[in-house]
Amino acid sequence: VEHDLVYKPTSGKLSEDEYAILDELNGL
């Protein structure tokens, strides 16, 4: 999921909130 969102964004660069959510998911 992280790779697809960060390295293959289909609709632009991720927002800070999206990066924060990825970090939260990583923690979970």
mmCIF file of all heavy atoms, coordinates in Angstrom:
data_MODEL
# 
_entry.id   MODEL 
# 
loop_
_atom_site.group_PDB 
_atom_site.id 
_atom_site.type_symbol 
_atom_site.label_atom_id 
_atom_site.label_alt_id 
_atom_site.label_comp_id 
_atom_site.label_asym_id 
_atom_site.label_entity_id 
_atom_site.label_seq_id 
_atom_site.pdbx_PDB_ins_code 
_atom_site.Cartn_x 
_atom_site.Cartn_y 
_atom_site.Cartn_z 
_atom_site.occupancy 
_atom_site.B_iso_or_equiv 
_atom_site.pdbx_formal_charge 
_atom_site.auth_seq_id 
_atom_site.auth_comp_id 
_atom_site.auth_asym_id 
_atom_site.auth_atom_id 
_atom_site.pdbx_PDB_model_num 
ATOM 1   N N   . VAL A 1 1  ? 0.846  -1.203 0.000   1.00 0.00 ? 1  VAL A N   1 
ATOM 2   C CA  . VAL A 1 1  ? 0.000  0.000  0.000   1.00 0.00 ? 1  VAL A CA  1 
ATOM 3   C C   . VAL A 1 1  ? 0.877  1.247  0.000   1.00 0.00 ? 1  VAL A C   1 
ATOM 4   O O   . VAL A 1 1  ? 0.670  2.175  -0.785  1.00 0.00 ? 1  VAL A O   1 
ATOM 5   C CB  . VAL A 1 1  ? -0.957 -0.001 1.217   1.00 0.00 ? 1  VAL A CB  1 
ATOM 6   C CG1 . VAL A 1 1  ? -1.631 1.356  1.391   1.00 0.00 ? 1  VAL A CG1 1 
ATOM 7   C CG2 . VAL A 1 1  ? -1.989 -1.103 1.078   1.00 0.00 ? 1  VAL A CG2 1 
ATOM 8   N N   . GLU A 1 2  ? 1.876  1.259  0.884   1.00 0.00 ? 2  GLU A N   1 
ATOM 9   C CA  . GLU A 1 2  ? 2.767  2.413  0.981   1.00 0.00 ? 2  GLU A CA  1 
ATOM 10  C C   . GLU A 1 2  ? 3.497  2.654  -0.341  1.00 0.00 ? 2  GLU A C   1 
ATOM 11  O O   . GLU A 1 2  ? 3.579  3.778  -0.829  1.00 0.00 ? 2  GLU A O   1 
ATOM 12  C CB  . GLU A 1 2  ? 3.771  2.182  2.118   1.00 0.00 ? 2  GLU A CB  1 
ATOM 13  C CG  . GLU A 1 2  ? 4.581  3.403  2.486   1.00 0.00 ? 2  GLU A CG  1 
ATOM 14  C CD  . GLU A 1 2  ? 5.968  3.402  1.875   1.00 0.00 ? 2  GLU A CD  1 
ATOM 15  O OE1 . GLU A 1 2  ? 6.379  2.391  1.275   1.00 0.00 ? 2  GLU A OE1 1 
ATOM 16  O OE2 . GLU A 1 2  ? 6.638  4.432  1.989   1.00 0.00 ? 2  GLU A OE2 1 
ATOM 17  N N   . HIS A 1 3  ? 3.983  1.604  -0.940  1.00 0.00 ? 3  HIS A N   1 
ATOM 18  C CA  . HIS A 1 3  ? 4.705  1.736  -2.212  1.00 0.00 ? 3  HIS A CA  1 
ATOM 19  C C   . HIS A 1 3  ? 3.789  2.271  -3.308  1.00 0.00 ? 3  HIS A C   1 
ATOM 20  O O   . HIS A 1 3  ? 4.159  3.172  -4.062  1.00 0.00 ? 3  HIS A O   1 
ATOM 21  C CB  . HIS A 1 3  ? 5.297  0.385  -2.632  1.00 0.00 ? 3  HIS A CB  1 
ATOM 22  C CG  . HIS A 1 3  ? 6.089  0.457  -3.889  1.00 0.00 ? 3  HIS A CG  1 
ATOM 23  N ND1 . HIS A 1 3  ? 5.546  0.153  -5.118  1.00 0.00 ? 3  HIS A ND1 1 
ATOM 24  C CD2 . HIS A 1 3  ? 7.377  0.812  -4.114  1.00 0.00 ? 3  HIS A CD2 1 
ATOM 25  C CE1 . HIS A 1 3  ? 6.472  0.313  -6.052  1.00 0.00 ? 3  HIS A CE1 1 
ATOM 26  N NE2 . HIS A 1 3  ? 7.586  0.716  -5.478  1.00 0.00 ? 3  HIS A NE2 1 
ATOM 27  N N   . ASP A 1 4  ? 2.577  1.710  -3.392  1.00 0.00 ? 4  ASP A N   1 
ATOM 28  C CA  . ASP A 1 4  ? 1.641  2.154  -4.425  1.00 0.00 ? 4  ASP A CA  1 
ATOM 29  C C   . ASP A 1 4  ? 1.242  3.609  -4.252  1.00 0.00 ? 4  ASP A C   1 
ATOM 30  O O   . ASP A 1 4  ? 1.100  4.343  -5.229  1.00 0.00 ? 4  ASP A O   1 
ATOM 31  C CB  . ASP A 1 4  ? 0.392  1.262  -4.437  1.00 0.00 ? 4  ASP A CB  1 
ATOM 32  C CG  . ASP A 1 4  ? 0.672  -0.115 -5.018  1.00 0.00 ? 4  ASP A CG  1 
ATOM 33  O OD1 . ASP A 1 4  ? 1.760  -0.318 -5.604  1.00 0.00 ? 4  ASP A OD1 1 
ATOM 34  O OD2 . ASP A 1 4  ? -0.192 -0.997 -4.882  1.00 0.00 ? 4  ASP A OD2 1 
ATOM 35  N N   . LEU A 1 5  ? 1.070  4.047  -3.014  1.00 0.00 ? 5  LEU A N   1 
ATOM 36  C CA  . LEU A 1 5  ? 0.655  5.432  -2.781  1.00 0.00 ? 5  LEU A CA  1 
ATOM 37  C C   . LEU A 1 5  ? 1.809  6.418  -2.939  1.00 0.00 ? 5  LEU A C   1 
ATOM 38  O O   . LEU A 1 5  ? 1.641  7.490  -3.508  1.00 0.00 ? 5  LEU A O   1 
ATOM 39  C CB  . LEU A 1 5  ? 0.049  5.581  -1.389  1.00 0.00 ? 5  LEU A CB  1 
ATOM 40  C CG  . LEU A 1 5  ? -1.319 4.937  -1.185  1.00 0.00 ? 5  LEU A CG  1 
ATOM 41  C CD1 . LEU A 1 5  ? -1.749 5.058  0.268   1.00 0.00 ? 5  LEU A CD1 1 
ATOM 42  C CD2 . LEU A 1 5  ? -2.353 5.560  -2.099  1.00 0.00 ? 5  LEU A CD2 1 
ATOM 43  N N   . VAL A 1 6  ? 2.976  6.061  -2.418  1.00 0.00 ? 6  VAL A N   1 
ATOM 44  C CA  . VAL A 1 6  ? 4.094  7.008  -2.410  1.00 0.00 ? 6  VAL A CA  1 
ATOM 45  C C   . VAL A 1 6  ? 4.818  7.034  -3.749  1.00 0.00 ? 6  VAL A C   1 
ATOM 46  O O   . VAL A 1 6  ? 5.162  8.107  -4.251  1.00 0.00 ? 6  VAL A O   1 
ATOM 47  C CB  . VAL A 1 6  ? 5.081  6.687  -1.256  1.00 0.00 ? 6  VAL A CB  1 
ATOM 48  C CG1 . VAL A 1 6  ? 6.323  7.555  -1.341  1.00 0.00 ? 6  VAL A CG1 1 
ATOM 49  C CG2 . VAL A 1 6  ? 4.383  6.875  0.085   1.00 0.00 ? 6  VAL A CG2 1 
ATOM 50  N N   . TYR A 1 7  ? 5.057  5.861  -4.327  1.00 0.00 ? 7  TYR A N   1 
ATOM 51  C CA  . TYR A 1 7  ? 5.879  5.804  -5.531  1.00 0.00 ? 7  TYR A CA  1 
ATOM 52  C C   . TYR A 1 7  ? 5.077  5.711  -6.823  1.00 0.00 ? 7  TYR A C   1 
ATOM 53  O O   . TYR A 1 7  ? 5.628  5.863  -7.899  1.00 0.00 ? 7  TYR A O   1 
ATOM 54  C CB  . TYR A 1 7  ? 6.862  4.637  -5.445  1.00 0.00 ? 7  TYR A CB  1 
ATOM 55  C CG  . TYR A 1 7  ? 7.824  4.806  -4.307  1.00 0.00 ? 7  TYR A CG  1 
ATOM 56  C CD1 . TYR A 1 7  ? 7.699  4.049  -3.152  1.00 0.00 ? 7  TYR A CD1 1 
ATOM 57  C CD2 . TYR A 1 7  ? 8.834  5.761  -4.361  1.00 0.00 ? 7  TYR A CD2 1 
ATOM 58  C CE1 . TYR A 1 7  ? 8.573  4.219  -2.089  1.00 0.00 ? 7  TYR A CE1 1 
ATOM 59  C CE2 . TYR A 1 7  ? 9.713  5.938  -3.300  1.00 0.00 ? 7  TYR A CE2 1 
ATOM 60  C CZ  . TYR A 1 7  ? 9.574  5.166  -2.176  1.00 0.00 ? 7  TYR A CZ  1 
ATOM 61  O OH  . TYR A 1 7  ? 10.429 5.343  -1.129  1.00 0.00 ? 7  TYR A OH  1 
ATOM 62  N N   . LYS A 1 8  ? 3.784  5.461  -6.712  1.00 0.00 ? 8  LYS A N   1 
ATOM 63  C CA  . LYS A 1 8  ? 2.948  5.387  -7.909  1.00 0.00 ? 8  LYS A CA  1 
ATOM 64  C C   . LYS A 1 8  ? 1.662  6.188  -7.694  1.00 0.00 ? 8  LYS A C   1 
ATOM 65  O O   . LYS A 1 8  ? 0.561  5.673  -7.867  1.00 0.00 ? 8  LYS A O   1 
ATOM 66  C CB  . LYS A 1 8  ? 2.572  3.928  -8.207  1.00 0.00 ? 8  LYS A CB  1 
ATOM 67  C CG  . LYS A 1 8  ? 3.750  3.024  -8.475  1.00 0.00 ? 8  LYS A CG  1 
ATOM 68  C CD  . LYS A 1 8  ? 3.262  1.609  -8.709  1.00 0.00 ? 8  LYS A CD  1 
ATOM 69  C CE  . LYS A 1 8  ? 4.404  0.654  -8.874  1.00 0.00 ? 8  LYS A CE  1 
ATOM 70  N NZ  . LYS A 1 8  ? 3.954  -0.721 -9.044  1.00 0.00 ? 8  LYS A NZ  1 
ATOM 71  N N   . PRO A 1 9  ? 1.779  7.434  -7.294  1.00 0.00 ? 9  PRO A N   1 
ATOM 72  C CA  . PRO A 1 9  ? 0.560  8.210  -7.044  1.00 0.00 ? 9  PRO A CA  1 
ATOM 73  C C   . PRO A 1 9  ? -0.224 8.439  -8.342  1.00 0.00 ? 9  PRO A C   1 
ATOM 74  O O   . PRO A 1 9  ? 0.343  8.852  -9.345  1.00 0.00 ? 9  PRO A O   1 
ATOM 75  C CB  . PRO A 1 9  ? 1.072  9.520  -6.463  1.00 0.00 ? 9  PRO A CB  1 
ATOM 76  C CG  . PRO A 1 9  ? 2.481  9.633  -6.944  1.00 0.00 ? 9  PRO A CG  1 
ATOM 77  C CD  . PRO A 1 9  ? 2.984  8.223  -7.106  1.00 0.00 ? 9  PRO A CD  1 
ATOM 78  N N   . THR A 1 10 ? -1.496 8.126  -8.301  1.00 0.00 ? 10 THR A N   1 
ATOM 79  C CA  . THR A 1 10 ? -2.328 8.281  -9.506  1.00 0.00 ? 10 THR A CA  1 
ATOM 80  C C   . THR A 1 10 ? -2.943 9.665  -9.597  1.00 0.00 ? 10 THR A C   1 
ATOM 81  O O   . THR A 1 10 ? -3.409 10.053 -10.660 1.00 0.00 ? 10 THR A O   1 
ATOM 82  C CB  . THR A 1 10 ? -3.447 7.227  -9.517  1.00 0.00 ? 10 THR A CB  1 
ATOM 83  O OG1 . THR A 1 10 ? -4.216 7.348  -8.313  1.00 0.00 ? 10 THR A OG1 1 
ATOM 84  C CG2 . THR A 1 10 ? -2.874 5.827  -9.627  1.00 0.00 ? 10 THR A CG2 1 
ATOM 85  N N   . SER A 1 11 ? -2.947 10.390 -8.493  1.00 0.00 ? 11 SER A N   1 
ATOM 86  C CA  . SER A 1 11 ? -3.577 11.713 -8.539  1.00 0.00 ? 11 SER A CA  1 
ATOM 87  C C   . SER A 1 11 ? -2.751 12.747 -7.782  1.00 0.00 ? 11 SER A C   1 
ATOM 88  O O   . SER A 1 11 ? -3.261 13.469 -6.933  1.00 0.00 ? 11 SER A O   1 
ATOM 89  C CB  . SER A 1 11 ? -4.990 11.625 -7.962  1.00 0.00 ? 11 SER A CB  1 
ATOM 90  O OG  . SER A 1 11 ? -4.952 11.139 -6.649  1.00 0.00 ? 11 SER A OG  1 
ATOM 91  N N   . GLY A 1 12 ? -1.466 12.782 -8.064  1.00 0.00 ? 12 GLY A N   1 
ATOM 92  C CA  . GLY A 1 12 ? -0.619 13.808 -7.468  1.00 0.00 ? 12 GLY A CA  1 
ATOM 93  C C   . GLY A 1 12 ? 0.124  13.341 -6.225  1.00 0.00 ? 12 GLY A C   1 
ATOM 94  O O   . GLY A 1 12 ? 0.002  12.212 -5.781  1.00 0.00 ? 12 GLY A O   1 
ATOM 95  N N   . LYS A 1 13 ? 0.886  14.293 -5.671  1.00 0.00 ? 13 LYS A N   1 
ATOM 96  C CA  . LYS A 1 13 ? 1.703  14.025 -4.481  1.00 0.00 ? 13 LYS A CA  1 
ATOM 97  C C   . LYS A 1 13 ? 0.814  13.887 -3.258  1.00 0.00 ? 13 LYS A C   1 
ATOM 98  O O   . LYS A 1 13 ? -0.178 14.587 -3.107  1.00 0.00 ? 13 LYS A O   1 
ATOM 99  C CB  . LYS A 1 13 ? 2.693  15.185 -4.315  1.00 0.00 ? 13 LYS A CB  1 
ATOM 100 C CG  . LYS A 1 13 ? 3.712  14.991 -3.223  1.00 0.00 ? 13 LYS A CG  1 
ATOM 101 C CD  . LYS A 1 13 ? 4.748  16.105 -3.303  1.00 0.00 ? 13 LYS A CD  1 
ATOM 102 C CE  . LYS A 1 13 ? 5.662  16.205 -2.130  1.00 0.00 ? 13 LYS A CE  1 
ATOM 103 N NZ  . LYS A 1 13 ? 6.188  15.061 -1.532  1.00 0.00 ? 13 LYS A NZ  1 
ATOM 104 N N   . LEU A 1 14 ? 1.202  12.973 -2.345  1.00 0.00 ? 14 LEU A N   1 
ATOM 105 C CA  . LEU A 1 14 ? 0.421  12.763 -1.132  1.00 0.00 ? 14 LEU A CA  1 
ATOM 106 C C   . LEU A 1 14 ? 0.507  13.978 -0.210  1.00 0.00 ? 14 LEU A C   1 
ATOM 107 O O   . LEU A 1 14 ? 1.526  14.665 -0.152  1.00 0.00 ? 14 LEU A O   1 
ATOM 108 C CB  . LEU A 1 14 ? 0.931  11.533 -0.370  1.00 0.00 ? 14 LEU A CB  1 
ATOM 109 C CG  . LEU A 1 14 ? 0.803  10.191 -1.073  1.00 0.00 ? 14 LEU A CG  1 
ATOM 110 C CD1 . LEU A 1 14 ? 1.300  9.079  -0.156  1.00 0.00 ? 14 LEU A CD1 1 
ATOM 111 C CD2 . LEU A 1 14 ? -0.607 9.912  -1.510  1.00 0.00 ? 14 LEU A CD2 1 
ATOM 112 N N   . SER A 1 15 ? -0.554 14.193 0.524   1.00 0.00 ? 15 SER A N   1 
ATOM 113 C CA  . SER A 1 15 ? -0.592 15.300 1.484   1.00 0.00 ? 15 SER A CA  1 
ATOM 114 C C   . SER A 1 15 ? 0.109  14.885 2.777   1.00 0.00 ? 15 SER A C   1 
ATOM 115 O O   . SER A 1 15 ? 0.392  13.705 3.000   1.00 0.00 ? 15 SER A O   1 
ATOM 116 C CB  . SER A 1 15 ? -2.045 15.661 1.789   1.00 0.00 ? 15 SER A CB  1 
ATOM 117 O OG  . SER A 1 15 ? -2.675 14.595 2.490   1.00 0.00 ? 15 SER A OG  1 
ATOM 118 N N   . GLU A 1 16 ? 0.365  15.866 3.639   1.00 0.00 ? 16 GLU A N   1 
ATOM 119 C CA  . GLU A 1 16 ? 0.953  15.570 4.944   1.00 0.00 ? 16 GLU A CA  1 
ATOM 120 C C   . GLU A 1 16 ? 0.049  14.642 5.734   1.00 0.00 ? 16 GLU A C   1 
ATOM 121 O O   . GLU A 1 16 ? 0.526  13.762 6.457   1.00 0.00 ? 16 GLU A O   1 
ATOM 122 C CB  . GLU A 1 16 ? 1.194  16.861 5.722   1.00 0.00 ? 16 GLU A CB  1 
ATOM 123 C CG  . GLU A 1 16 ? 2.409  17.632 5.270   1.00 0.00 ? 16 GLU A CG  1 
ATOM 124 C CD  . GLU A 1 16 ? 2.686  18.824 6.179   1.00 0.00 ? 16 GLU A CD  1 
ATOM 125 O OE1 . GLU A 1 16 ? 2.485  18.703 7.409   1.00 0.00 ? 16 GLU A OE1 1 
ATOM 126 O OE2 . GLU A 1 16 ? 3.101  19.862 5.652   1.00 0.00 ? 16 GLU A OE2 1 
ATOM 127 N N   . ASP A 1 17 ? -1.264 14.845 5.617   1.00 0.00 ? 17 ASP A N   1 
ATOM 128 C CA  . ASP A 1 17 ? -2.227 13.997 6.328   1.00 0.00 ? 17 ASP A CA  1 
ATOM 129 C C   . ASP A 1 17 ? -2.131 12.551 5.845   1.00 0.00 ? 17 ASP A C   1 
ATOM 130 O O   . ASP A 1 17 ? -2.177 11.617 6.648   1.00 0.00 ? 17 ASP A O   1 
ATOM 131 C CB  . ASP A 1 17 ? -3.642 14.543 6.144   1.00 0.00 ? 17 ASP A CB  1 
ATOM 132 C CG  . ASP A 1 17 ? -4.631 13.925 7.110   1.00 0.00 ? 17 ASP A CG  1 
ATOM 133 O OD1 . ASP A 1 17 ? -4.243 13.676 8.282   1.00 0.00 ? 17 ASP A OD1 1 
ATOM 134 O OD2 . ASP A 1 17 ? -5.784 13.683 6.709   1.00 0.00 ? 17 ASP A OD2 1 
ATOM 135 N N   . GLU A 1 18 ? -1.980 12.364 4.545   1.00 0.00 ? 18 GLU A N   1 
ATOM 136 C CA  . GLU A 1 18 ? -1.862 11.006 4.011   1.00 0.00 ? 18 GLU A CA  1 
ATOM 137 C C   . GLU A 1 18 ? -0.571 10.332 4.486   1.00 0.00 ? 18 GLU A C   1 
ATOM 138 O O   . GLU A 1 18 ? -0.569 9.149  4.836   1.00 0.00 ? 18 GLU A O   1 
ATOM 139 C CB  . GLU A 1 18 ? -1.922 11.030 2.486   1.00 0.00 ? 18 GLU A CB  1 
ATOM 140 C CG  . GLU A 1 18 ? -3.314 11.363 1.963   1.00 0.00 ? 18 GLU A CG  1 
ATOM 141 C CD  . GLU A 1 18 ? -3.336 11.658 0.480   1.00 0.00 ? 18 GLU A CD  1 
ATOM 142 O OE1 . GLU A 1 18 ? -2.485 12.458 0.022   1.00 0.00 ? 18 GLU A OE1 1 
ATOM 143 O OE2 . GLU A 1 18 ? -4.194 11.074 -0.217  1.00 0.00 ? 18 GLU A OE2 1 
ATOM 144 N N   . TYR A 1 19 ? 0.519  11.090 4.525   1.00 0.00 ? 19 TYR A N   1 
ATOM 145 C CA  . TYR A 1 19 ? 1.769  10.542 5.068   1.00 0.00 ? 19 TYR A CA  1 
ATOM 146 C C   . TYR A 1 19 ? 1.601  10.184 6.548   1.00 0.00 ? 19 TYR A C   1 
ATOM 147 O O   . TYR A 1 19 ? 2.102  9.154  7.010   1.00 0.00 ? 19 TYR A O   1 
ATOM 148 C CB  . TYR A 1 19 ? 2.933  11.527 4.891   1.00 0.00 ? 19 TYR A CB  1 
ATOM 149 C CG  . TYR A 1 19 ? 3.550  11.495 3.524   1.00 0.00 ? 19 TYR A CG  1 
ATOM 150 C CD1 . TYR A 1 19 ? 3.442  12.574 2.665   1.00 0.00 ? 19 TYR A CD1 1 
ATOM 151 C CD2 . TYR A 1 19 ? 4.259  10.378 3.080   1.00 0.00 ? 19 TYR A CD2 1 
ATOM 152 C CE1 . TYR A 1 19 ? 4.016  12.557 1.401   1.00 0.00 ? 19 TYR A CE1 1 
ATOM 153 C CE2 . TYR A 1 19 ? 4.837  10.343 1.818   1.00 0.00 ? 19 TYR A CE2 1 
ATOM 154 C CZ  . TYR A 1 19 ? 4.706  11.444 0.986   1.00 0.00 ? 19 TYR A CZ  1 
ATOM 155 O OH  . TYR A 1 19 ? 5.278  11.408 -0.269  1.00 0.00 ? 19 TYR A OH  1 
ATOM 156 N N   . ALA A 1 20 ? 0.891  11.034 7.291   1.00 0.00 ? 20 ALA A N   1 
ATOM 157 C CA  . ALA A 1 20 ? 0.662  10.758 8.713   1.00 0.00 ? 20 ALA A CA  1 
ATOM 158 C C   . ALA A 1 20 ? -0.172 9.484  8.884   1.00 0.00 ? 20 ALA A C   1 
ATOM 159 O O   . ALA A 1 20 ? 0.097  8.673  9.778   1.00 0.00 ? 20 ALA A O   1 
ATOM 160 C CB  . ALA A 1 20 ? -0.031 11.950 9.373   1.00 0.00 ? 20 ALA A CB  1 
ATOM 161 N N   . ILE A 1 21 ? -1.159 9.300  8.030   1.00 0.00 ? 21 ILE A N   1 
ATOM 162 C CA  . ILE A 1 21 ? -1.986 8.093  8.094   1.00 0.00 ? 21 ILE A CA  1 
ATOM 163 C C   . ILE A 1 21 ? -1.141 6.854  7.782   1.00 0.00 ? 21 ILE A C   1 
ATOM 164 O O   . ILE A 1 21 ? -1.270 5.815  8.437   1.00 0.00 ? 21 ILE A O   1 
ATOM 165 C CB  . ILE A 1 21 ? -3.200 8.201  7.141   1.00 0.00 ? 21 ILE A CB  1 
ATOM 166 C CG1 . ILE A 1 21 ? -4.164 9.284  7.637   1.00 0.00 ? 21 ILE A CG1 1 
ATOM 167 C CG2 . ILE A 1 21 ? -3.921 6.858  7.031   1.00 0.00 ? 21 ILE A CG2 1 
ATOM 168 C CD1 . ILE A 1 21 ? -5.233 9.671  6.630   1.00 0.00 ? 21 ILE A CD1 1 
ATOM 169 N N   . LEU A 1 22 ? -0.250 6.968  6.791   1.00 0.00 ? 22 LEU A N   1 
ATOM 170 C CA  . LEU A 1 22 ? 0.654  5.852  6.490   1.00 0.00 ? 22 LEU A CA  1 
ATOM 171 C C   . LEU A 1 22 ? 1.523  5.526  7.702   1.00 0.00 ? 22 LEU A C   1 
ATOM 172 O O   . LEU A 1 22 ? 1.743  4.347  8.018   1.00 0.00 ? 22 LEU A O   1 
ATOM 173 C CB  . LEU A 1 22 ? 1.533  6.177  5.281   1.00 0.00 ? 22 LEU A CB  1 
ATOM 174 C CG  . LEU A 1 22 ? 0.866  6.044  3.917   1.00 0.00 ? 22 LEU A CG  1 
ATOM 175 C CD1 . LEU A 1 22 ? 1.795  6.574  2.832   1.00 0.00 ? 22 LEU A CD1 1 
ATOM 176 C CD2 . LEU A 1 22 ? 0.480  4.606  3.634   1.00 0.00 ? 22 LEU A CD2 1 
ATOM 177 N N   . ASP A 1 23 ? 2.021  6.556  8.394   1.00 0.00 ? 23 ASP A N   1 
ATOM 178 C CA  . ASP A 1 23 ? 2.816  6.336  9.600   1.00 0.00 ? 23 ASP A CA  1 
ATOM 179 C C   . ASP A 1 23 ? 1.992  5.647  10.690  1.00 0.00 ? 23 ASP A C   1 
ATOM 180 O O   . ASP A 1 23 ? 2.472  4.748  11.378  1.00 0.00 ? 23 ASP A O   1 
ATOM 181 C CB  . ASP A 1 23 ? 3.382  7.647  10.133  1.00 0.00 ? 23 ASP A CB  1 
ATOM 182 C CG  . ASP A 1 23 ? 4.543  8.173  9.304   1.00 0.00 ? 23 ASP A CG  1 
ATOM 183 O OD1 . ASP A 1 23 ? 5.115  7.385  8.519   1.00 0.00 ? 23 ASP A OD1 1 
ATOM 184 O OD2 . ASP A 1 23 ? 4.880  9.363  9.447   1.00 0.00 ? 23 ASP A OD2 1 
ATOM 185 N N   . GLU A 1 24 ? 0.738  6.085  10.845  1.00 0.00 ? 24 GLU A N   1 
ATOM 186 C CA  . GLU A 1 24 ? -0.148 5.449  11.830  1.00 0.00 ? 24 GLU A CA  1 
ATOM 187 C C   . GLU A 1 24 ? -0.365 3.981  11.488  1.00 0.00 ? 24 GLU A C   1 
ATOM 188 O O   . GLU A 1 24 ? -0.311 3.115  12.371  1.00 0.00 ? 24 GLU A O   1 
ATOM 189 C CB  . GLU A 1 24 ? -1.498 6.170  11.868  1.00 0.00 ? 24 GLU A CB  1 
ATOM 190 C CG  . GLU A 1 24 ? -1.459 7.544  12.481  1.00 0.00 ? 24 GLU A CG  1 
ATOM 191 C CD  . GLU A 1 24 ? -2.766 8.304  12.284  1.00 0.00 ? 24 GLU A CD  1 
ATOM 192 O OE1 . GLU A 1 24 ? -3.758 7.714  11.793  1.00 0.00 ? 24 GLU A OE1 1 
ATOM 193 O OE2 . GLU A 1 24 ? -2.801 9.494  12.618  1.00 0.00 ? 24 GLU A OE2 1 
ATOM 194 N N   . LEU A 1 25 ? -0.624 3.715  10.224  1.00 0.00 ? 25 LEU A N   1 
ATOM 195 C CA  . LEU A 1 25 ? -0.816 2.327  9.794   1.00 0.00 ? 25 LEU A CA  1 
ATOM 196 C C   . LEU A 1 25 ? 0.428  1.493  10.032  1.00 0.00 ? 25 LEU A C   1 
ATOM 197 O O   . LEU A 1 25 ? 0.345  0.332  10.446  1.00 0.00 ? 25 LEU A O   1 
ATOM 198 C CB  . LEU A 1 25 ? -1.221 2.273  8.320   1.00 0.00 ? 25 LEU A CB  1 
ATOM 199 C CG  . LEU A 1 25 ? -2.638 2.729  8.002   1.00 0.00 ? 25 LEU A CG  1 
ATOM 200 C CD1 . LEU A 1 25 ? -2.838 2.830  6.499   1.00 0.00 ? 25 LEU A CD1 1 
ATOM 201 C CD2 . LEU A 1 25 ? -3.643 1.770  8.609   1.00 0.00 ? 25 LEU A CD2 1 
ATOM 202 N N   . ASN A 1 26 ? 1.585  2.077  9.786   1.00 0.00 ? 26 ASN A N   1 
ATOM 203 C CA  . ASN A 1 26 ? 2.830  1.369  10.036  1.00 0.00 ? 26 ASN A CA  1 
ATOM 204 C C   . ASN A 1 26 ? 2.939  1.010  11.519  1.00 0.00 ? 26 ASN A C   1 
ATOM 205 O O   . ASN A 1 26 ? 3.325  -0.106 11.872  1.00 0.00 ? 26 ASN A O   1 
ATOM 206 C CB  . ASN A 1 26 ? 4.027  2.212  9.594   1.00 0.00 ? 26 ASN A CB  1 
ATOM 207 C CG  . ASN A 1 26 ? 5.320  1.440  9.673   1.00 0.00 ? 26 ASN A CG  1 
ATOM 208 O OD1 . ASN A 1 26 ? 5.361  0.238  9.478   1.00 0.00 ? 26 ASN A OD1 1 
ATOM 209 N ND2 . ASN A 1 26 ? 6.389  2.134  9.962   1.00 0.00 ? 26 ASN A ND2 1 
ATOM 210 N N   . GLY A 1 27 ? 2.596  1.940  12.380  1.00 0.00 ? 27 GLY A N   1 
ATOM 211 C CA  . GLY A 1 27 ? 2.607  1.670  13.821  1.00 0.00 ? 27 GLY A CA  1 
ATOM 212 C C   . GLY A 1 27 ? 1.644  0.565  14.202  1.00 0.00 ? 27 GLY A C   1 
ATOM 213 O O   . GLY A 1 27 ? 1.962  -0.313 15.011  1.00 0.00 ? 27 GLY A O   1 
ATOM 214 N N   . LEU A 1 28 ? 0.458  0.583  13.597  1.00 0.00 ? 28 LEU A N   1 
ATOM 215 C CA  . LEU A 1 28 ? -0.528 -0.467 13.879  1.00 0.00 ? 28 LEU A CA  1 
ATOM 216 C C   . LEU A 1 28 ? -0.034 -1.834 13.397  1.00 0.00 ? 28 LEU A C   1 
ATOM 217 O O   . LEU A 1 28 ? -0.219 -2.847 14.072  1.00 0.00 ? 28 LEU A O   1 
ATOM 218 C CB  . LEU A 1 28 ? -1.868 -0.129 13.214  1.00 0.00 ? 28 LEU A CB  1 
ATOM 219 C CG  . LEU A 1 28 ? -2.623 1.052  13.816  1.00 0.00 ? 28 LEU A CG  1 
ATOM 220 C CD1 . LEU A 1 28 ? -3.794 1.438  12.916  1.00 0.00 ? 28 LEU A CD1 1 
ATOM 221 C CD2 . LEU A 1 28 ? -3.101 0.715  15.217  1.00 0.00 ? 28 LEU A CD2 1 
# 
